[in-house]
Protein backbone atom coordinates (compact mmCIF):
# COMPACT_ATOMS: atom_id res chain seq x y z
CA MET A 1 -28.31 -41.03 30.36
CA GLY A 2 -32.59 -39.29 29.61
CA PRO A 3 -33.50 -36.28 31.47
CA GLY A 4 -34.79 -36.33 34.54
CA LEU A 5 -32.78 -39.27 36.16
CA PHE A 6 -30.03 -37.50 38.08
CA TRP A 7 -27.41 -39.69 40.44
CA ASN A 8 -25.67 -38.84 44.01
CA PHE A 9 -23.84 -41.93 43.86
CA PRO A 10 -21.38 -43.02 44.94
CA PRO A 11 -22.78 -42.42 48.80
CA LYS A 12 -20.26 -40.55 51.37
CA ALA A 13 -18.10 -42.47 53.01
CA GLY A 14 -19.10 -44.53 55.76
CA CYS A 15 -22.68 -44.44 54.26
CA THR A 16 -24.12 -47.80 52.95
CA VAL A 17 -27.18 -48.46 50.59
CA PRO A 18 -28.85 -51.34 50.54
CA GLN A 19 -28.51 -52.97 46.90
CA SER A 20 -32.61 -54.05 47.13
CA LEU A 21 -33.02 -50.18 47.64
CA LEU A 22 -30.69 -49.28 44.56
CA GLN A 23 -32.65 -51.53 42.44
CA THR A 24 -36.24 -50.23 43.89
CA ILE A 25 -34.96 -46.57 43.64
CA LEU A 26 -33.54 -47.14 39.43
CA LEU A 27 -37.18 -48.92 38.55
CA SER A 28 -38.81 -45.74 40.09
CA ARG A 29 -36.42 -43.25 38.20
CA MET A 30 -36.88 -45.66 34.78
CA ALA A 31 -40.90 -45.79 35.47
CA GLY A 32 -40.69 -42.28 35.63
CA MET A 33 -38.64 -41.69 32.51
CA LYS A 34 -41.34 -43.71 30.77
CA GLU A 35 -44.17 -41.61 32.54
CA GLN A 36 -42.78 -38.34 31.66
CA GLN A 37 -42.37 -39.00 27.61
CA PHE A 38 -45.79 -38.20 26.71
CA THR A 39 -46.46 -35.46 29.30
CA GLU A 40 -45.86 -32.16 26.25
CA GLU A 41 -49.01 -32.58 23.98
CA LYS A 42 -48.37 -29.82 22.29
CA PRO A 43 -45.89 -26.78 21.99
CA LEU A 44 -46.02 -23.68 24.16
CA LEU A 45 -47.67 -20.77 22.26
CA PRO A 46 -45.26 -18.06 21.26
CA GLU A 47 -46.48 -15.51 23.67
CA GLN A 48 -46.14 -18.02 26.41
CA ARG A 49 -42.24 -18.64 24.89
CA GLY A 50 -41.22 -15.25 24.06
CA VAL A 51 -41.52 -13.67 20.69
CA ASP A 52 -37.90 -13.68 20.51
CA SER A 53 -37.29 -17.21 21.47
CA ASP A 54 -36.53 -20.14 19.52
CA MET A 55 -37.40 -18.04 16.08
CA GLU A 56 -35.32 -20.68 14.04
CA SER A 57 -38.61 -22.95 13.65
CA CYS A 58 -40.69 -20.07 13.23
CA GLU A 59 -42.82 -21.80 10.51
CA GLN A 60 -43.84 -24.43 14.21
CA LEU A 61 -45.45 -21.36 15.37
CA MET A 62 -48.57 -20.83 13.40
CA PRO A 63 -51.60 -20.44 15.45
CA PRO A 64 -53.57 -23.72 16.25
CA GLY A 65 -55.59 -24.70 12.87
CA ASP A 66 -55.77 -26.36 9.45
CA TRP A 67 -53.69 -23.94 7.65
CA LYS A 68 -53.48 -24.66 4.09
CA GLU A 69 -50.69 -23.21 1.54
CA HIS A 70 -51.58 -21.71 -2.21
CA ASP A 71 -49.97 -20.58 -4.79
CA VAL A 72 -52.35 -18.02 -6.64
CA GLU A 73 -51.74 -16.93 -10.12
CA THR A 74 -52.34 -13.67 -10.93
CA PRO A 75 -51.21 -11.20 -13.87
CA TYR A 76 -47.89 -10.47 -12.37
CA GLY A 77 -46.85 -13.73 -11.15
CA MET A 78 -47.59 -16.11 -8.84
CA LEU A 79 -48.54 -15.50 -4.86
CA HIS A 80 -48.07 -17.47 -2.04
CA VAL A 81 -50.94 -17.71 0.27
CA VAL A 82 -51.86 -19.48 3.55
CA ILE A 83 -55.34 -19.36 4.57
CA ARG A 84 -57.42 -21.08 7.61
CA GLY A 85 -61.12 -21.69 7.23
CA ALA A 86 -63.81 -21.67 4.58
CA PRO A 87 -65.99 -18.50 3.55
CA LYS A 88 -68.71 -18.12 6.14
CA GLY A 89 -71.90 -16.46 4.76
CA ASN A 90 -71.46 -12.79 3.38
CA LYS A 91 -68.94 -12.39 6.23
CA PRO A 92 -65.43 -10.74 4.87
CA ALA A 93 -62.40 -12.78 5.20
CA ILE A 94 -59.65 -11.02 7.13
CA LEU A 95 -56.54 -10.90 4.83
CA THR A 96 -53.42 -9.55 5.94
CA TYR A 97 -50.20 -8.56 4.15
CA HIS A 98 -47.03 -7.96 5.43
CA ASP A 99 -44.16 -5.25 5.73
CA VAL A 100 -40.89 -5.47 3.86
CA GLY A 101 -38.03 -7.37 5.75
CA LEU A 102 -40.46 -9.76 6.78
CA ASN A 103 -43.53 -12.39 5.88
CA HIS A 104 -46.46 -13.68 7.13
CA LYS A 105 -45.22 -15.70 10.05
CA LEU A 106 -42.63 -13.23 10.97
CA CYS A 107 -45.04 -10.07 10.83
CA PHE A 108 -48.39 -11.75 12.05
CA ASN A 109 -47.61 -14.92 13.91
CA THR A 110 -47.26 -13.23 17.74
CA PHE A 111 -50.49 -11.23 16.85
CA PHE A 112 -52.73 -14.21 15.95
CA SER A 113 -51.35 -16.38 18.25
CA ASN A 114 -52.61 -14.32 20.93
CA GLU A 115 -55.65 -16.36 22.31
CA ASP A 116 -58.18 -13.37 22.00
CA MET A 117 -57.15 -12.72 18.82
CA GLN A 118 -57.95 -16.65 18.02
CA GLU A 119 -61.36 -16.49 19.73
CA ILE A 120 -61.96 -13.74 17.15
CA THR A 121 -60.51 -15.21 14.27
CA LYS A 122 -62.41 -18.54 14.48
CA HIS A 123 -65.92 -16.55 13.43
CA PHE A 124 -63.58 -15.62 10.26
CA VAL A 125 -61.87 -17.54 7.35
CA VAL A 126 -58.40 -16.04 7.22
CA CYS A 127 -55.93 -15.44 4.60
CA HIS A 128 -52.28 -14.65 4.72
CA VAL A 129 -50.50 -13.29 1.66
CA ASP A 130 -47.03 -13.21 1.24
CA ALA A 131 -45.23 -10.80 -1.37
CA PRO A 132 -43.56 -12.86 -4.37
CA GLY A 133 -40.63 -14.24 -3.04
CA GLN A 134 -40.67 -13.51 0.24
CA GLN A 135 -41.96 -16.82 1.95
CA ILE A 136 -39.78 -18.82 3.95
CA GLY A 137 -38.33 -21.30 1.44
CA ALA A 138 -38.85 -19.03 -1.47
CA PRO A 139 -36.20 -19.77 -4.58
CA GLN A 140 -34.25 -16.88 -5.66
CA MET A 141 -35.61 -14.94 -8.34
CA PRO A 142 -33.77 -15.37 -11.70
CA GLN A 143 -31.39 -12.38 -12.69
CA GLY A 144 -33.30 -9.56 -14.60
CA TYR A 145 -36.70 -10.28 -13.13
CA GLN A 146 -38.63 -7.30 -12.84
CA TYR A 147 -40.42 -6.88 -9.53
CA PRO A 148 -44.57 -5.98 -9.55
CA THR A 149 -44.81 -2.14 -8.28
CA MET A 150 -46.52 -1.77 -5.74
CA ASP A 151 -49.45 -0.61 -7.76
CA GLN A 152 -48.91 -4.13 -9.48
CA LEU A 153 -48.78 -5.61 -6.17
CA ALA A 154 -52.00 -4.09 -4.98
CA SER A 155 -53.78 -5.28 -8.48
CA MET A 156 -52.51 -9.05 -7.68
CA LEU A 157 -55.09 -9.27 -4.53
CA PRO A 158 -58.53 -9.30 -6.90
CA ASN A 159 -57.33 -12.65 -7.99
CA VAL A 160 -57.06 -13.92 -4.27
CA VAL A 161 -60.34 -12.96 -3.27
CA GLN A 162 -61.59 -14.68 -6.62
CA HIS A 163 -59.84 -17.53 -6.09
CA PHE A 164 -61.32 -18.25 -2.70
CA GLY A 165 -65.09 -17.18 -3.26
CA PHE A 166 -64.34 -14.22 -0.51
CA LYS A 167 -67.51 -11.68 -1.18
CA SER A 168 -65.18 -8.81 0.48
CA ILE A 169 -62.18 -8.78 2.75
CA VAL A 170 -60.89 -6.89 6.02
CA GLY A 171 -57.32 -5.80 5.51
CA ILE A 172 -54.79 -5.80 8.14
CA GLY A 173 -51.67 -4.49 6.67
CA VAL A 174 -48.24 -2.94 8.27
CA GLY A 175 -45.62 -0.93 6.62
CA ALA A 176 -45.47 -1.84 2.85
CA GLY A 177 -48.55 -4.45 3.29
CA ALA A 178 -50.61 -1.33 4.65
CA TYR A 179 -49.60 0.84 1.79
CA ILE A 180 -50.28 -1.94 -0.62
CA LEU A 181 -53.77 -2.67 0.96
CA ALA A 182 -54.84 1.40 0.66
CA LYS A 183 -54.05 1.14 -3.03
CA PHE A 184 -56.19 -1.98 -3.46
CA ALA A 185 -58.82 -0.58 -1.38
CA LEU A 186 -58.40 2.52 -3.62
CA ILE A 187 -58.67 0.49 -6.55
CA PHE A 188 -61.29 -1.97 -6.13
CA PRO A 189 -63.36 -0.17 -3.00
CA ASP A 190 -66.71 -2.75 -3.38
CA LEU A 191 -63.93 -5.59 -2.36
CA VAL A 192 -63.00 -3.85 1.05
CA GLU A 193 -65.37 -3.48 3.83
CA GLY A 194 -62.66 -2.35 6.31
CA LEU A 195 -58.53 -2.04 6.83
CA VAL A 196 -56.22 -1.64 9.77
CA LEU A 197 -53.15 -0.09 8.47
CA LEU A 198 -49.99 -0.07 11.19
CA ASN A 199 -47.13 1.90 10.24
CA ILE A 200 -48.47 3.36 6.97
CA ASP A 201 -46.53 5.96 4.83
CA PRO A 202 -48.47 6.99 2.29
CA ASN A 203 -45.67 9.40 0.24
CA GLY A 204 -43.10 8.14 -1.58
CA LYS A 205 -39.37 8.82 -1.14
CA GLY A 206 -37.91 12.37 -2.13
CA TRP A 207 -34.56 12.41 -4.11
CA ILE A 208 -32.42 12.95 -0.92
CA ASP A 209 -34.53 10.14 1.06
CA TRP A 210 -33.87 7.73 -1.83
CA ALA A 211 -30.05 8.76 -2.39
CA ALA A 212 -29.62 8.27 1.48
CA THR A 213 -31.30 4.63 1.34
CA LYS A 214 -29.38 3.42 -1.95
CA LEU A 215 -25.75 4.98 0.06
CA SER A 216 -26.87 3.05 3.06
CA GLY A 217 -26.82 0.12 1.09
CA LEU A 218 -23.76 0.27 0.20
CA THR A 219 -22.05 0.51 3.62
CA SER A 220 -24.30 -1.94 5.14
CA THR A 221 -25.61 -5.44 5.10
CA LEU A 222 -29.32 -5.80 3.99
CA PRO A 223 -30.82 -6.73 7.04
CA ASP A 224 -28.95 -3.58 8.87
CA VAL A 225 -30.78 -1.22 6.38
CA VAL A 226 -34.28 -2.61 6.97
CA LEU A 227 -34.29 -2.61 10.48
CA PRO A 228 -34.52 1.12 10.94
CA HIS A 229 -37.60 0.63 8.76
CA LEU A 230 -39.29 -2.14 11.29
CA PHE A 231 -38.09 -0.54 14.93
CA SER A 232 -38.02 3.01 16.62
CA GLN A 233 -34.27 4.28 17.11
CA GLU A 234 -35.17 3.39 21.21
CA GLU A 235 -35.32 -0.40 20.42
CA LEU A 236 -31.92 -0.39 18.14
CA MET A 237 -30.08 1.20 20.11
CA SER A 238 -31.09 -0.62 23.13
CA ASN A 239 -30.51 -3.39 20.52
CA THR A 240 -33.23 -5.82 22.38
CA GLU A 241 -33.57 -9.14 22.11
CA LEU A 242 -36.28 -8.80 19.43
CA VAL A 243 -34.11 -6.65 17.28
CA GLN A 244 -31.25 -9.09 17.76
CA SER A 245 -33.55 -12.34 16.74
CA TYR A 246 -35.13 -10.21 13.80
CA ARG A 247 -31.74 -9.12 12.39
CA GLN A 248 -31.28 -13.00 12.35
CA GLN A 249 -34.37 -14.15 10.98
CA ILE A 250 -34.34 -11.27 8.11
CA ASN A 251 -30.71 -12.93 7.30
CA ASN A 252 -32.05 -16.52 7.36
CA SER A 253 -35.87 -16.52 6.63
CA VAL A 254 -35.90 -14.45 3.74
CA ASN A 255 -34.11 -15.09 0.58
CA GLN A 256 -31.60 -11.77 0.44
CA PHE A 257 -31.79 -11.48 -3.14
CA ASN A 258 -35.68 -11.70 -3.21
CA LEU A 259 -36.02 -9.31 -0.54
CA GLN A 260 -33.47 -6.73 -2.46
CA LEU A 261 -35.99 -6.55 -5.15
CA PHE A 262 -39.17 -5.99 -2.74
CA TRP A 263 -36.89 -2.97 -1.05
CA ASN A 264 -36.09 -1.48 -3.86
CA MET A 265 -39.65 -1.47 -5.06
CA TYR A 266 -41.07 0.08 -1.84
CA ASN A 267 -38.67 2.69 -2.17
CA SER A 268 -39.41 3.58 -5.39
CA ARG A 269 -43.24 3.90 -4.75
CA ARG A 270 -45.57 7.25 -5.42
CA ASP A 271 -47.48 8.95 -3.45
CA LEU A 272 -50.77 7.32 -2.78
CA GLU A 273 -53.42 9.27 -4.56
CA MET A 274 -55.93 10.46 -2.08
CA ASN A 275 -57.29 13.33 -0.21
CA ARG A 276 -59.98 14.44 2.12
CA SER A 277 -63.15 15.40 0.53
CA GLY A 278 -63.49 18.68 -0.08
CA THR A 279 -59.59 19.57 0.36
CA VAL A 280 -59.03 19.52 -3.85
CA LEU A 281 -60.84 18.93 -7.13
CA ASN A 282 -62.59 15.39 -7.29
CA ALA A 283 -60.96 14.57 -3.92
CA LYS A 284 -60.38 10.58 -3.88
CA THR A 285 -59.93 8.84 -0.52
CA LEU A 286 -60.65 5.49 1.58
CA LYS A 287 -65.10 4.38 1.50
CA CYS A 288 -64.45 1.97 4.08
CA PRO A 289 -63.64 2.20 7.87
CA VAL A 290 -59.72 2.88 8.85
CA MET A 291 -57.82 1.87 11.74
CA LEU A 292 -54.66 3.64 11.61
CA VAL A 293 -52.02 2.35 14.32
CA VAL A 294 -48.67 3.36 15.24
CA GLY A 295 -46.42 2.65 18.14
CA ASP A 296 -44.80 5.67 19.95
CA ASN A 297 -41.66 6.85 18.42
CA ALA A 298 -42.19 4.67 15.57
CA PRO A 299 -40.14 5.56 12.54
CA ALA A 300 -43.88 5.62 10.85
CA GLU A 301 -45.09 8.08 13.18
CA GLU A 302 -44.60 11.17 10.74
CA GLY A 303 -46.42 8.94 7.87
CA VAL A 304 -49.19 7.69 9.65
CA VAL A 305 -50.15 11.15 10.86
CA GLU A 306 -50.29 12.21 7.46
CA CYS A 307 -52.44 9.61 6.38
CA ASN A 308 -54.74 10.49 9.02
CA SER A 309 -55.12 14.22 7.48
CA LYS A 310 -55.99 12.13 4.18
CA LEU A 311 -59.02 10.43 5.22
CA ASP A 312 -62.56 10.89 6.02
CA PRO A 313 -62.69 11.45 9.58
CA THR A 314 -66.17 9.92 10.39
CA THR A 315 -64.37 6.60 9.27
CA THR A 316 -61.30 6.49 11.02
CA THR A 317 -60.01 6.02 13.91
CA PHE A 318 -56.41 7.13 14.99
CA LEU A 319 -54.69 4.75 17.47
CA LYS A 320 -51.01 5.72 19.03
CA MET A 321 -49.89 2.86 20.82
CA ALA A 322 -47.31 3.38 23.94
CA ASP A 323 -44.69 1.29 25.09
CA SER A 324 -44.95 -0.55 21.78
CA GLY A 325 -41.82 0.33 19.72
CA GLY A 326 -42.24 0.04 15.88
CA LEU A 327 -43.86 -3.24 15.30
CA PRO A 328 -47.30 -3.04 17.94
CA GLN A 329 -48.71 -6.62 16.45
CA LEU A 330 -44.87 -8.11 18.19
CA THR A 331 -44.85 -6.37 21.84
CA GLN A 332 -48.46 -5.39 22.33
CA PRO A 333 -50.64 -7.74 20.61
CA GLY A 334 -53.22 -8.12 23.20
CA LYS A 335 -53.73 -4.05 22.90
CA LEU A 336 -54.30 -4.71 19.63
CA THR A 337 -56.31 -7.28 19.34
CA GLU A 338 -58.63 -5.48 21.52
CA ALA A 339 -59.20 -2.70 19.36
CA PHE A 340 -59.22 -4.92 16.17
CA LYS A 341 -62.38 -6.17 18.64
CA TYR A 342 -64.11 -3.34 18.53
CA PHE A 343 -63.43 -2.46 14.95
CA LEU A 344 -65.11 -5.29 13.86
CA GLN A 345 -68.27 -4.71 16.30
CA GLY A 346 -68.39 -1.14 15.05
CA MET A 347 -68.86 -2.84 11.80
CA GLY A 348 -71.74 -4.85 12.95
CA TYR A 349 -69.55 -8.18 12.92
CA ILE A 350 -69.23 -10.18 16.06
CA ALA A 351 -72.01 -9.07 18.76
CA TYR A 352 -69.83 -10.44 21.40
CA VAL A 353 -66.62 -12.03 22.44
CA LYS A 354 -65.63 -13.79 24.94
CA ASP A 355 -63.02 -11.99 26.92
CA ARG A 356 -61.01 -13.92 29.48
CA ARG A 357 -60.38 -10.67 31.55
CA LEU A 358 -64.27 -10.25 31.90
CA SER A 359 -64.59 -14.06 33.62
CA GLY A 360 -65.67 -15.12 29.91
CA GLY A 361 -68.15 -12.55 29.87
CA PRO A 362 -69.43 -10.81 26.44
CA VAL A 363 -67.92 -7.29 25.67
CA PRO A 364 -70.12 -4.80 24.70
CA SER A 365 -72.33 -5.27 21.82
CA ALA A 366 -71.62 -3.84 18.11
CA SER A 367 -74.51 -1.25 18.98
CA MET A 368 -72.28 1.47 20.06
CA THR A 369 -71.39 4.52 18.31
CA ARG A 370 -67.86 4.60 16.84
CA LEU A 371 -66.87 7.84 18.90
CA ALA A 372 -68.25 6.22 22.11
CA ARG A 373 -66.48 2.85 21.35
CA SER A 374 -63.25 4.44 20.47
CA ARG A 375 -63.27 5.64 24.01
CA THR A 376 -64.46 2.65 25.21
CA ALA A 377 -61.39 0.76 23.54
CA SER A 378 -58.80 3.26 24.89
CA LEU A 379 -59.76 3.00 28.28
CA THR A 380 -59.92 -0.40 28.83
CA SER A 381 -56.47 -1.07 26.48
CA ALA A 382 -55.05 -0.04 29.72
CA SER A 383 -54.21 3.34 30.54
CA SER A 384 -53.59 6.91 29.60
CA VAL A 385 -56.47 8.66 26.86
CA ASP A 386 -54.22 11.11 24.86
CA GLY A 387 -56.79 11.80 22.42
CA SER A 388 -60.51 11.81 24.00
CA ARG A 389 -60.17 15.48 22.03
CA SER A 390 -60.03 15.35 18.16
CA ARG A 391 -57.09 15.79 16.37
CA ALA A 392 -57.11 20.05 15.48
CA CYS A 393 -56.54 18.24 11.55
CA THR A 394 -59.37 16.26 12.06
CA HIS A 395 -62.15 18.73 13.39
CA SER A 396 -65.17 18.10 12.24
CA ASP A 397 -67.63 21.50 12.44
CA SER A 398 -70.93 19.77 11.81
CA THR A 399 -73.08 19.72 14.51
CA GLU A 400 -76.02 17.58 13.43
CA GLY A 401 -75.46 14.48 15.54
CA VAL A 402 -73.60 12.43 16.55
CA GLY A 403 -73.62 10.34 13.51
CA GLN A 404 -71.83 13.24 11.89
CA VAL A 405 -69.19 13.74 15.00
CA SER A 406 -65.27 13.57 13.99
CA HIS A 407 -64.49 9.77 14.97
CA THR A 408 -60.84 10.35 14.07
CA MET A 409 -58.90 10.28 17.40
CA GLU A 410 -55.70 10.07 18.83
CA VAL A 411 -55.72 7.29 21.36
CA SER A 412 -52.62 6.57 23.23
CA CYS A 413 -52.89 2.86 25.37
């Protein structure tokens, strides 16, 4: 008996229903069933369904578009890459790199499925990179396989850029992916026009932290070891549906042997060798515009603040997002999209983008200074502004014009 066909028969005692009426009702219901078979032309977007519903079919949650999978050969092994679109003139490609414990689908589907984000990305080619062996359905690495170091993972990316003919990239990285993209920008600065780094920790683990991680791995399952890296303590303690869903997905969607290799290599990382100009002799830092993002009370908050102190304050924006937990791209995709929109406009791309909240009108043009743009973004993102004042550690002594004012700001939105 198909959906939508409900029977209330037999009738109550003493009540008779003509046979002709029964036939009419039956034919009507059957006709209704035929009409209903074709009503859903496409599945709901993840944000309409909820990020934690039906995660088992996450391979079906890719944002609309002609996505193509590729395996790109590099000096350190093959990289699984998913790409949409083709290079558009001299525009950079948007290239993403996921955190440890995830892959591009689990890390970025919710963010890139956001309607406003799709309005932005139609202007660019989008390239998602999966770390070796982390994609869904990846075969298990052979015993004795030496997983690439973090430096080697960064050095694999020029092959991706060359393979697809990108002129340059704007990178979006989360956690381990943010570290890898930052390392890539330090080694190959001419290939990177901008970086959005979520939850980056530029510091290597000390011996005590390393030993604690090893001990935790002996007493807990791998997903439970990785979850505290991804989510805030508040989220873990309340055991939200999102946390429960991702515990299941990390266990089922990512090969556990491969994940252990990536996890071990991330925890063996060295400090990112960068310092703000003038702080040490021959200081080296990121040369491109950078937006640092972290959720309130996220496990990476201290590391992001440390990274902020190592970057050029005139080209860096520090965005601290309220009510977003450990993974802002999952819990606050709309706010992060708006910040990303302003970030691109500040670089001179997409003079305007339709904004549904402004009745389809254009957003402010790219002629705004980065300082004004940061303040506008924080005000329109939704709420309070902690940081219309510069952080003490990023204060600039220069007063020779707006272009030299410190643009590194702590914004709570």
